[in-house]
Protein backbone atom coordinates (compact mmCIF):
# COMPACT_ATOMS: atom_id res chain seq x y z
CA MET A 1 104.29 -107.50 43.93
CA LYS A 2 101.45 -107.02 46.40
CA ARG A 3 100.89 -103.43 45.22
CA TYR A 4 100.80 -104.63 41.61
CA ARG A 5 98.04 -107.16 42.43
CA MET A 6 96.07 -104.50 44.32
CA PHE A 7 96.42 -102.20 41.32
CA LEU A 8 95.12 -104.91 38.96
CA LEU A 9 92.18 -105.62 41.25
CA ALA A 10 91.32 -101.91 41.41
CA VAL A 11 91.46 -101.60 37.59
CA ALA A 12 89.35 -104.76 37.13
CA GLY A 13 86.78 -103.43 39.62
CA ALA A 14 86.61 -100.06 37.88
CA LEU A 15 86.10 -101.73 34.50
CA ALA A 16 83.36 -103.96 35.90
CA ILE A 17 81.54 -100.97 37.40
CA ALA A 18 81.88 -98.96 34.19
CA GLY A 19 80.50 -101.88 32.19
CA CYS A 20 77.37 -101.96 34.38
CA SER A 21 76.81 -98.20 34.34
CA ASP A 22 73.58 -96.77 32.90
CA LYS A 23 75.76 -94.42 30.86
CA SER A 24 77.27 -97.34 28.93
CA PRO A 25 77.16 -96.73 25.15
CA SER A 26 75.76 -100.21 24.44
CA THR A 27 72.33 -100.40 22.80
CA ASN A 28 69.57 -102.92 23.36
CA ILE A 29 68.97 -104.19 19.82
CA ASN A 30 65.58 -105.60 20.86
CA ASP A 31 64.29 -102.09 21.60
CA PRO A 32 62.28 -100.95 18.51
CA ALA A 33 63.22 -97.30 19.03
CA ALA A 34 66.92 -98.22 19.16
CA GLN A 35 66.56 -100.35 16.02
CA SER A 36 64.93 -97.44 14.22
CA ARG A 37 67.69 -95.00 15.23
CA LEU A 38 70.46 -97.42 14.27
CA ALA A 39 68.82 -98.23 10.93
CA ALA A 40 68.57 -94.55 10.02
CA ILE A 41 72.20 -93.84 10.91
CA ASP A 42 73.51 -96.99 9.26
CA GLU A 43 71.44 -96.47 6.12
CA ASP A 44 73.00 -93.06 5.48
CA ARG A 45 76.47 -94.46 6.08
CA LEU A 46 75.89 -97.50 3.89
CA VAL A 47 74.50 -95.38 1.06
CA ARG A 48 77.70 -93.27 1.21
CA ASN A 49 79.75 -96.48 1.21
CA ALA A 50 77.83 -97.75 -1.84
CA LEU A 51 78.61 -94.53 -3.71
CA GLU A 52 82.31 -94.94 -2.88
CA ILE A 53 82.20 -98.42 -4.43
CA VAL A 54 80.14 -97.35 -7.46
CA PRO A 55 80.05 -93.65 -8.32
CA GLY A 56 76.64 -92.64 -9.63
CA SER A 57 73.19 -91.75 -8.39
CA VAL A 58 71.13 -93.78 -5.93
CA SER A 59 67.88 -95.00 -7.46
CA SER A 60 66.59 -97.07 -4.52
CA VAL A 61 67.37 -98.39 -1.03
CA SER A 62 65.69 -101.49 0.38
CA THR A 63 65.99 -103.84 3.34
CA ASN A 64 64.86 -107.38 4.02
CA ASP A 65 63.35 -108.99 7.12
CA ALA A 66 65.80 -111.89 7.35
CA GLU A 67 67.61 -113.02 10.49
CA THR A 68 70.69 -111.24 9.12
CA PRO A 69 69.25 -107.95 7.84
CA LEU A 70 70.55 -106.87 4.45
CA LEU A 71 70.40 -103.36 3.06
CA SER A 72 70.57 -103.07 -0.74
CA VAL A 73 71.46 -99.83 -2.48
CA THR A 74 70.75 -99.63 -6.22
CA VAL A 75 73.10 -97.22 -7.97
CA ALA A 76 72.88 -95.96 -11.54
CA PRO A 77 76.46 -95.37 -12.74
CA ALA A 78 77.17 -92.74 -15.38
CA SER A 79 77.85 -95.50 -17.94
CA GLY A 80 74.24 -96.73 -17.63
CA GLY A 81 72.57 -99.80 -16.19
CA SER A 82 72.25 -100.50 -12.49
CA VAL A 83 74.51 -101.89 -9.79
CA ILE A 84 73.16 -103.32 -6.54
CA VAL A 85 75.43 -103.02 -3.51
CA THR A 86 74.21 -105.25 -0.66
CA PHE A 87 75.43 -104.81 2.91
CA ASP A 88 75.15 -106.93 6.03
CA ALA A 89 73.29 -104.21 7.97
CA VAL A 90 74.24 -105.59 11.39
CA ASN A 91 78.00 -105.64 10.79
CA ASN A 92 78.06 -102.76 8.24
CA VAL A 93 80.11 -104.78 5.72
CA ILE A 94 79.64 -105.61 2.05
CA ALA A 95 77.71 -108.81 1.42
CA ALA A 96 77.74 -108.61 -2.41
CA VAL A 97 77.85 -106.26 -5.39
CA SER A 98 76.17 -107.17 -8.69
CA GLY A 99 75.41 -105.53 -11.99
CA ASP A 100 73.82 -106.05 -15.37
CA ALA A 101 75.44 -106.17 -18.80
CA ALA A 102 75.49 -102.38 -19.18
CA THR A 103 77.55 -101.90 -16.02
CA HIS A 104 80.53 -104.13 -16.78
CA THR A 105 82.46 -101.06 -17.92
CA ALA A 106 81.46 -98.99 -14.88
CA SER A 107 84.07 -97.82 -12.40
CA VAL A 108 83.46 -100.36 -9.62
CA ALA A 109 86.04 -100.75 -6.86
CA PRO A 110 84.82 -102.78 -3.87
CA GLY A 111 87.85 -101.95 -1.74
CA PRO A 112 91.58 -101.30 -1.66
CA TYR A 113 92.53 -104.99 -1.48
CA PHE A 114 90.38 -106.18 -4.38
CA ILE A 115 90.96 -105.90 -8.11
CA PRO A 116 88.55 -103.49 -9.84
CA LEU A 117 85.68 -104.86 -11.89
CA SER A 118 87.31 -103.70 -15.15
CA LEU A 119 90.31 -106.00 -14.55
CA ALA A 120 88.06 -108.91 -13.50
CA VAL A 121 86.10 -108.55 -16.76
CA GLU A 122 89.31 -108.35 -18.78
CA LEU A 123 90.66 -111.54 -17.16
CA ALA A 124 87.35 -113.37 -17.67
CA GLN A 125 87.25 -112.39 -21.34
CA ARG A 126 90.76 -113.79 -21.79
CA GLU A 127 89.28 -117.10 -20.62
CA VAL A 128 86.10 -116.87 -22.74
CA ARG A 129 85.63 -114.35 -25.55
CA GLY A 130 82.14 -112.93 -25.77
CA ASN A 131 79.61 -110.45 -24.39
CA VAL A 132 79.28 -109.83 -20.66
CA LEU A 133 75.73 -110.55 -19.52
CA GLY A 134 76.20 -109.71 -15.84
CA TRP A 135 78.59 -109.90 -12.92
CA ARG A 136 78.69 -110.34 -9.15
CA PHE A 137 81.27 -109.68 -6.41
CA GLU A 138 80.67 -111.95 -3.40
CA ARG A 139 82.21 -113.99 -0.61
CA ASN A 140 82.82 -117.61 -1.59
CA ALA A 141 81.05 -119.73 1.04
CA ASP A 142 83.44 -122.68 0.52
CA ASP A 143 86.69 -120.99 1.51
CA ASN A 144 85.60 -117.50 2.64
CA THR A 145 87.49 -115.71 -0.16
CA TRP A 146 86.08 -112.84 -2.20
CA ILE A 147 85.36 -113.64 -5.83
CA TYR A 148 84.01 -112.06 -8.99
CA ARG A 149 81.57 -114.10 -11.04
CA ILE A 150 81.37 -112.89 -14.63
CA GLU A 151 78.67 -114.29 -16.92
CA ILE A 152 79.66 -114.25 -20.61
CA ARG A 153 77.83 -115.38 -23.76
CA ASP A 154 80.28 -116.68 -26.37
CA SER A 155 79.90 -116.42 -30.17
CA THR A 156 78.08 -119.79 -30.32
CA GLY A 157 75.45 -118.63 -27.82
CA LEU A 158 76.70 -120.64 -24.83
CA ARG A 159 76.64 -118.90 -21.44
CA HIS A 160 79.73 -119.21 -19.27
CA ASP A 161 80.22 -118.43 -15.58
CA ILE A 162 83.81 -117.40 -14.83
CA ALA A 163 84.81 -117.20 -11.15
CA LEU A 164 87.95 -115.21 -10.26
CA ASN A 165 89.69 -114.64 -6.94
CA ALA A 166 89.21 -110.90 -6.28
CA ILE A 167 92.66 -110.55 -4.69
CA SER A 168 94.99 -112.96 -6.50
CA LYS A 169 93.32 -112.55 -9.93
CA SER A 170 93.39 -116.33 -10.46
CA ILE A 171 90.58 -118.12 -12.31
CA ILE A 172 88.84 -120.39 -9.80
CA ALA A 173 86.30 -121.97 -12.15
CA ALA A 174 84.95 -121.67 -15.67
CA ASN A 175 81.58 -123.37 -16.17
CA ILE A 176 79.09 -123.57 -18.99
CA LEU A 177 75.60 -122.69 -17.76
């Protein structure tokens, strides 16, 4: 038992020393040079990720100066229009994906656990028949689930916002705008 405790103390000491070493891979995010290097590496990776979500050609890449930096990649899919894929640049995760009316038939797949855009549009149009004006894939702030919001104009000219759970396919809300 005594040897076991000595072993644990030795391991804990080694880990503490390694954590304080100058060769530690951690980066000081307040260092402008480090921020620049990380931004360049992450931007390339996030652009590749955007093209996996929406196949097409990149037309622009932009960032914001908010407390949580966002990187937006605008992609032109083969079907036309434009899709904006927005990432949380700090955590390298999707923040949102949105598109205009021309892109609702584009091959958009935000990830393996989520339904594709084509199915979300189909389900929304079962709820409200009409023309798709735009769409958005985002995290619902109320319950932290991922949703699609599909905006549809019906035959009478009313605009509807249909919210669907991006995993369960269930309609969360259908509102007239």
